[in-house]
Amino acid sequence: MTDLATVTTKVNLPQDDCQIEAYLAKPTAPEIYPGIVVLQEIFGVNVHIRDVTERIAKLGYVAIAPALFQRQAPGFETGYTCKDMEVGRKYAWSQTTASQLLSDIQAAINYLKTLPEINPEKFGCIGFCFGGHVAYPYLAATLPDIQVTVSFYGTRITTSTPGGGEPTITCTKDIQGTIYTFFGIEDASIPQTEVDQIVEELEKYNISHRVFRYDGSEHGFFCDRRASYNHKAAAYAWEQVQQLFSQLI
């Protein structure tokens, strides 16, 4: 397995209304790499998201995690208590909008394109929970730079969209490229009937996709800092992520 030396830093992505902070990780070797956008959970760009960003960089990608709650709570980072979740959900579903998210993600891609080590034609994304929801349609469907998308346990895909509007699943027909989605069968936040609906829509519109469901896995099974972490499922899922991202190389 590739385990490249990497360097990390915080950068700012200029927007009309603010500067969006982002966490950047990249290999130190002076070569040309694909870019990967990492989309946070409701807990901010916390230790887990930074760790994922670094793990991706070690595989031979330039990875960037924009702070999706920058407008509401600059520097927001929290834990996994019920109170923490309540605050994060408020930011995610009531105080962000699809247009802002699209703009911030595009800003991250545009920033990557300024780096000399980036292949400007090779991009992917990966998101978790809220970020998994954002990854499902917004990047794959409307941002032509993205060729491959990974969505881990994206919540509310069949019922909501950030800021209000038609449920995100209605965008399935517009997805471009290939999307892999990952769900835990024991996930109390995402009933299997909702996963079935996602599968039906992906198949209906002939979207290039794979849907993975893991027995005995709950919401957040990929995060090794949560009680719901499932080492076996996380390891299997990471193998699939690497396989998909390798299409960019």
Protein backbone atom coordinates (compact mmCIF):
# COMPACT_ATOMS: atom_id res chain seq x y z
CA MET A 1 0.00 0.00 0.00
CA THR A 2 1.23 3.47 -0.84
CA ASP A 3 2.27 5.46 2.23
CA LEU A 4 3.81 8.66 0.91
CA ALA A 5 5.35 11.36 3.05
CA THR A 6 2.91 14.27 3.30
CA VAL A 7 2.60 17.82 4.51
CA THR A 8 -0.52 19.51 5.91
CA THR A 9 -1.60 23.12 6.26
CA LYS A 10 -4.65 25.34 6.62
CA VAL A 11 -5.59 27.51 3.66
CA ASN A 12 -8.30 30.07 2.91
CA LEU A 13 -10.71 29.84 -0.01
CA PRO A 14 -11.97 33.28 -1.08
CA GLN A 15 -15.73 33.71 -1.38
CA ASP A 16 -17.84 36.82 -1.94
CA ASP A 17 -19.11 36.87 1.64
CA CYS A 18 -16.20 35.35 3.58
CA GLN A 19 -13.00 33.33 3.56
CA ILE A 20 -13.65 29.59 3.83
CA GLU A 21 -10.99 27.82 5.87
CA ALA A 22 -9.85 24.45 4.56
CA TYR A 23 -7.46 21.71 5.66
CA LEU A 24 -5.00 20.69 2.94
CA ALA A 25 -2.85 17.56 2.82
CA LYS A 26 -0.54 16.64 -0.04
CA PRO A 27 2.42 14.40 -0.79
CA THR A 28 5.82 16.03 -0.50
CA ALA A 29 7.26 14.39 -3.62
CA PRO A 30 7.15 16.88 -6.55
CA GLU A 31 4.86 14.95 -8.88
CA ILE A 32 1.42 15.46 -10.45
CA TYR A 33 -1.54 14.16 -8.45
CA PRO A 34 -5.35 13.98 -8.69
CA GLY A 35 -7.33 16.12 -6.25
CA ILE A 36 -9.87 14.89 -3.70
CA VAL A 37 -12.39 17.05 -1.82
CA VAL A 38 -13.26 15.72 1.66
CA LEU A 39 -16.69 16.68 3.01
CA GLN A 40 -17.18 16.80 6.76
CA GLU A 41 -19.78 15.35 9.09
CA ILE A 42 -21.88 17.64 11.30
CA PHE A 43 -18.94 17.77 13.72
CA GLY A 44 -16.82 20.09 11.58
CA VAL A 45 -13.35 19.54 10.15
CA ASN A 46 -12.39 17.65 13.27
CA VAL A 47 -9.64 15.14 14.04
CA HIS A 48 -11.42 12.37 12.13
CA ILE A 49 -11.88 14.43 8.97
CA ARG A 50 -8.31 15.70 9.14
CA ASP A 51 -7.11 12.11 9.55
CA VAL A 52 -9.08 10.97 6.50
CA THR A 53 -7.67 13.88 4.51
CA GLU A 54 -4.14 12.87 5.47
CA ARG A 55 -4.77 9.19 4.71
CA ILE A 56 -5.90 10.10 1.22
CA ALA A 57 -2.81 12.25 0.66
CA LYS A 58 -0.58 9.34 1.69
CA LEU A 59 -2.14 7.31 -1.13
CA GLY A 60 -0.97 9.83 -3.74
CA TYR A 61 -3.64 12.53 -3.93
CA VAL A 62 -3.89 16.17 -2.93
CA ALA A 63 -6.80 16.27 -0.47
CA ILE A 64 -8.68 19.29 0.83
CA ALA A 65 -11.45 19.53 3.46
CA PRO A 66 -13.36 22.84 3.33
CA ALA A 67 -15.08 24.03 6.51
CA LEU A 68 -18.71 23.81 5.43
CA PHE A 69 -19.96 25.71 8.51
CA GLN A 70 -17.54 28.63 8.15
CA ARG A 71 -20.30 31.23 7.80
CA GLN A 72 -22.22 29.99 10.83
CA ALA A 73 -19.36 29.05 13.15
CA PRO A 74 -15.77 29.79 12.08
CA GLY A 75 -13.38 27.16 13.41
CA PHE A 76 -16.24 24.90 14.52
CA GLU A 77 -15.12 21.50 15.75
CA THR A 78 -16.96 19.37 18.25
CA GLY A 79 -17.32 15.91 19.74
CA TYR A 80 -19.94 13.20 19.52
CA THR A 81 -22.28 13.80 22.45
CA CYS A 82 -26.01 14.27 21.97
CA LYS A 83 -25.56 17.99 22.66
CA ASP A 84 -22.79 18.21 20.07
CA MET A 85 -25.00 16.50 17.51
CA GLU A 86 -27.85 18.91 18.19
CA VAL A 87 -25.63 21.90 17.44
CA GLY A 88 -24.11 20.31 14.35
CA ARG A 89 -27.49 19.35 12.92
CA LYS A 90 -28.71 22.92 13.34
CA TYR A 91 -25.81 24.24 11.31
CA ALA A 92 -26.15 21.51 8.69
CA TRP A 93 -29.85 21.51 7.93
CA SER A 94 -31.15 24.92 9.01
CA GLN A 95 -28.27 27.29 8.39
CA THR A 96 -26.56 26.05 5.24
CA THR A 97 -27.94 26.11 1.72
CA ALA A 98 -27.27 24.01 -1.35
CA SER A 99 -26.01 27.03 -3.28
CA GLN A 100 -23.49 27.90 -0.56
CA LEU A 101 -22.26 24.33 -0.38
CA LEU A 102 -21.82 24.16 -4.14
CA SER A 103 -19.94 27.44 -4.14
CA ASP A 104 -17.63 26.37 -1.32
CA ILE A 105 -16.86 23.02 -2.92
CA GLN A 106 -16.16 24.65 -6.26
CA ALA A 107 -13.89 27.11 -4.45
CA ALA A 108 -11.95 24.15 -3.04
CA ILE A 109 -11.57 22.67 -6.53
CA ASN A 110 -10.52 26.02 -7.96
CA TYR A 111 -7.89 26.36 -5.24
CA LEU A 112 -6.51 22.91 -6.00
CA LYS A 113 -6.20 23.87 -9.64
CA THR A 114 -3.76 26.64 -8.67
CA LEU A 115 -1.31 24.12 -7.20
CA PRO A 116 1.54 23.04 -9.48
CA GLU A 117 1.25 19.40 -8.38
CA ILE A 118 -2.41 19.04 -9.37
CA ASN A 119 -3.72 17.33 -12.48
CA PRO A 120 -6.49 19.83 -13.37
CA GLU A 121 -8.58 17.16 -15.08
CA LYS A 122 -8.67 14.56 -12.30
CA PHE A 123 -10.88 15.15 -9.25
CA GLY A 124 -12.94 13.10 -6.86
CA CYS A 125 -14.75 13.63 -3.57
CA ILE A 126 -15.64 11.76 -0.41
CA GLY A 127 -18.19 12.71 2.24
CA PHE A 128 -19.43 11.36 5.56
CA CYS A 129 -22.91 11.67 7.14
CA PHE A 130 -23.93 15.27 6.27
CA GLY A 131 -20.96 15.34 3.89
CA GLY A 132 -22.16 12.04 2.43
CA HIS A 133 -25.47 13.72 1.68
CA VAL A 134 -23.72 16.69 0.09
CA ALA A 135 -21.51 14.40 -1.99
CA TYR A 136 -24.44 12.36 -3.31
CA PRO A 137 -25.85 14.84 -5.78
CA TYR A 138 -24.12 18.17 -5.51
CA LEU A 139 -20.63 17.29 -6.63
CA ALA A 140 -21.39 14.38 -8.92
CA ALA A 141 -24.44 15.95 -10.52
CA THR A 142 -23.60 19.59 -11.03
CA LEU A 143 -19.84 20.07 -10.84
CA PRO A 144 -18.28 18.70 -14.04
CA ASP A 145 -14.77 18.55 -12.54
CA ILE A 146 -15.68 15.52 -10.40
CA GLN A 147 -15.31 12.06 -11.94
CA VAL A 148 -15.68 9.82 -8.87
CA THR A 149 -17.71 10.29 -5.70
CA VAL A 150 -17.82 8.40 -2.39
CA SER A 151 -20.77 8.85 -0.04
CA PHE A 152 -20.55 7.31 3.44
CA TYR A 153 -23.90 6.94 5.24
CA GLY A 154 -25.36 10.10 3.73
CA THR A 155 -28.32 11.07 5.90
CA ARG A 156 -31.69 12.42 4.73
CA ILE A 157 -30.95 11.88 1.03
CA THR A 158 -34.51 10.70 0.40
CA THR A 159 -36.25 13.26 2.59
CA SER A 160 -34.40 16.60 2.71
CA THR A 161 -31.90 19.01 1.22
CA PRO A 162 -29.79 21.59 3.11
CA GLY A 163 -31.69 24.84 3.46
CA GLY A 164 -34.97 23.30 2.27
CA GLY A 165 -36.38 22.27 -1.08
CA GLU A 166 -36.97 19.05 -2.96
CA PRO A 167 -35.26 16.00 -1.44
CA THR A 168 -31.75 15.45 -2.73
CA ILE A 169 -32.68 12.09 -4.23
CA THR A 170 -34.54 13.96 -6.97
CA CYS A 171 -31.11 14.95 -8.37
CA THR A 172 -30.11 11.33 -8.97
CA LYS A 173 -30.88 11.52 -12.68
CA ASP A 174 -28.21 14.21 -13.12
CA ILE A 175 -25.32 12.35 -11.49
CA GLN A 176 -22.27 12.13 -13.71
CA GLY A 177 -19.24 9.89 -13.28
CA THR A 178 -19.22 6.98 -10.83
CA ILE A 179 -20.59 7.01 -7.27
CA TYR A 180 -19.99 4.51 -4.47
CA THR A 181 -22.27 4.65 -1.42
CA PHE A 182 -21.70 2.92 1.93
CA PHE A 183 -24.31 2.10 4.58
CA GLY A 184 -24.51 0.16 7.83
CA ILE A 185 -27.44 -2.23 7.98
CA GLU A 186 -27.91 -1.39 11.68
CA ASP A 187 -27.87 2.39 11.04
CA ALA A 188 -30.82 3.81 13.01
CA SER A 189 -30.51 7.11 11.12
CA ILE A 190 -30.90 5.60 7.65
CA PRO A 191 -33.60 2.90 7.33
CA GLN A 192 -32.86 0.20 4.77
CA THR A 193 -36.04 1.23 2.96
CA GLU A 194 -34.32 4.55 2.22
CA VAL A 195 -31.23 2.74 0.96
CA ASP A 196 -33.52 0.64 -1.26
CA GLN A 197 -35.00 3.84 -2.66
CA ILE A 198 -31.53 5.17 -3.46
CA VAL A 199 -30.62 1.93 -5.22
CA GLU A 200 -33.83 2.06 -7.26
CA GLU A 201 -33.13 5.62 -8.40
CA LEU A 202 -29.51 4.87 -9.32
CA GLU A 203 -30.60 1.86 -11.34
CA LYS A 204 -33.54 3.69 -12.90
CA TYR A 205 -31.26 6.31 -14.43
CA ASN A 206 -28.40 3.92 -15.27
CA ILE A 207 -25.94 5.76 -13.03
CA SER A 208 -22.52 4.12 -12.73
CA HIS A 209 -22.56 3.06 -9.09
CA ARG A 210 -22.02 0.50 -6.36
CA VAL A 211 -23.96 0.38 -3.10
CA PHE A 212 -22.32 -1.35 -0.13
CA ARG A 213 -24.21 -2.47 2.98
CA TYR A 214 -22.39 -3.88 6.00
CA ASP A 215 -23.96 -6.28 8.50
CA GLY A 216 -23.66 -5.33 12.14
CA SER A 217 -22.65 -1.76 11.29
CA GLU A 218 -24.24 1.39 12.68
CA HIS A 219 -24.11 5.03 11.69
CA GLY A 220 -20.55 6.37 11.69
CA PHE A 221 -18.99 2.90 11.39
CA PHE A 222 -15.96 4.30 9.54
CA CYS A 223 -14.97 6.72 12.32
CA ASP A 224 -12.53 5.17 14.78
CA ARG A 225 -13.31 7.87 17.34
CA ARG A 226 -16.94 6.87 17.73
CA ALA A 227 -18.50 4.05 19.72
CA SER A 228 -20.12 2.82 16.51
CA TYR A 229 -16.74 2.20 14.82
CA ASN A 230 -16.61 -1.18 13.08
CA HIS A 231 -13.03 -2.06 12.19
CA LYS A 232 -13.90 -4.85 9.76
CA ALA A 233 -16.50 -2.86 7.83
CA ALA A 234 -14.26 0.22 7.78
CA ALA A 235 -11.37 -1.80 6.37
CA TYR A 236 -13.52 -3.34 3.64
CA ALA A 237 -14.95 0.06 2.77
CA TRP A 238 -11.51 1.68 2.60
CA GLU A 239 -10.42 -0.96 0.07
CA GLN A 240 -13.35 0.01 -2.13
CA VAL A 241 -12.60 3.71 -1.77
CA GLN A 242 -9.03 3.12 -2.88
CA GLN A 243 -10.21 1.08 -5.84
CA LEU A 244 -12.53 3.85 -7.00
CA PHE A 245 -10.02 6.65 -6.50
CA SER A 246 -7.40 4.66 -8.42
CA GLN A 247 -9.44 5.33 -11.55
CA LEU A 248 -8.12 8.89 -11.40
CA ILE A 249 -4.49 7.81 -11.66
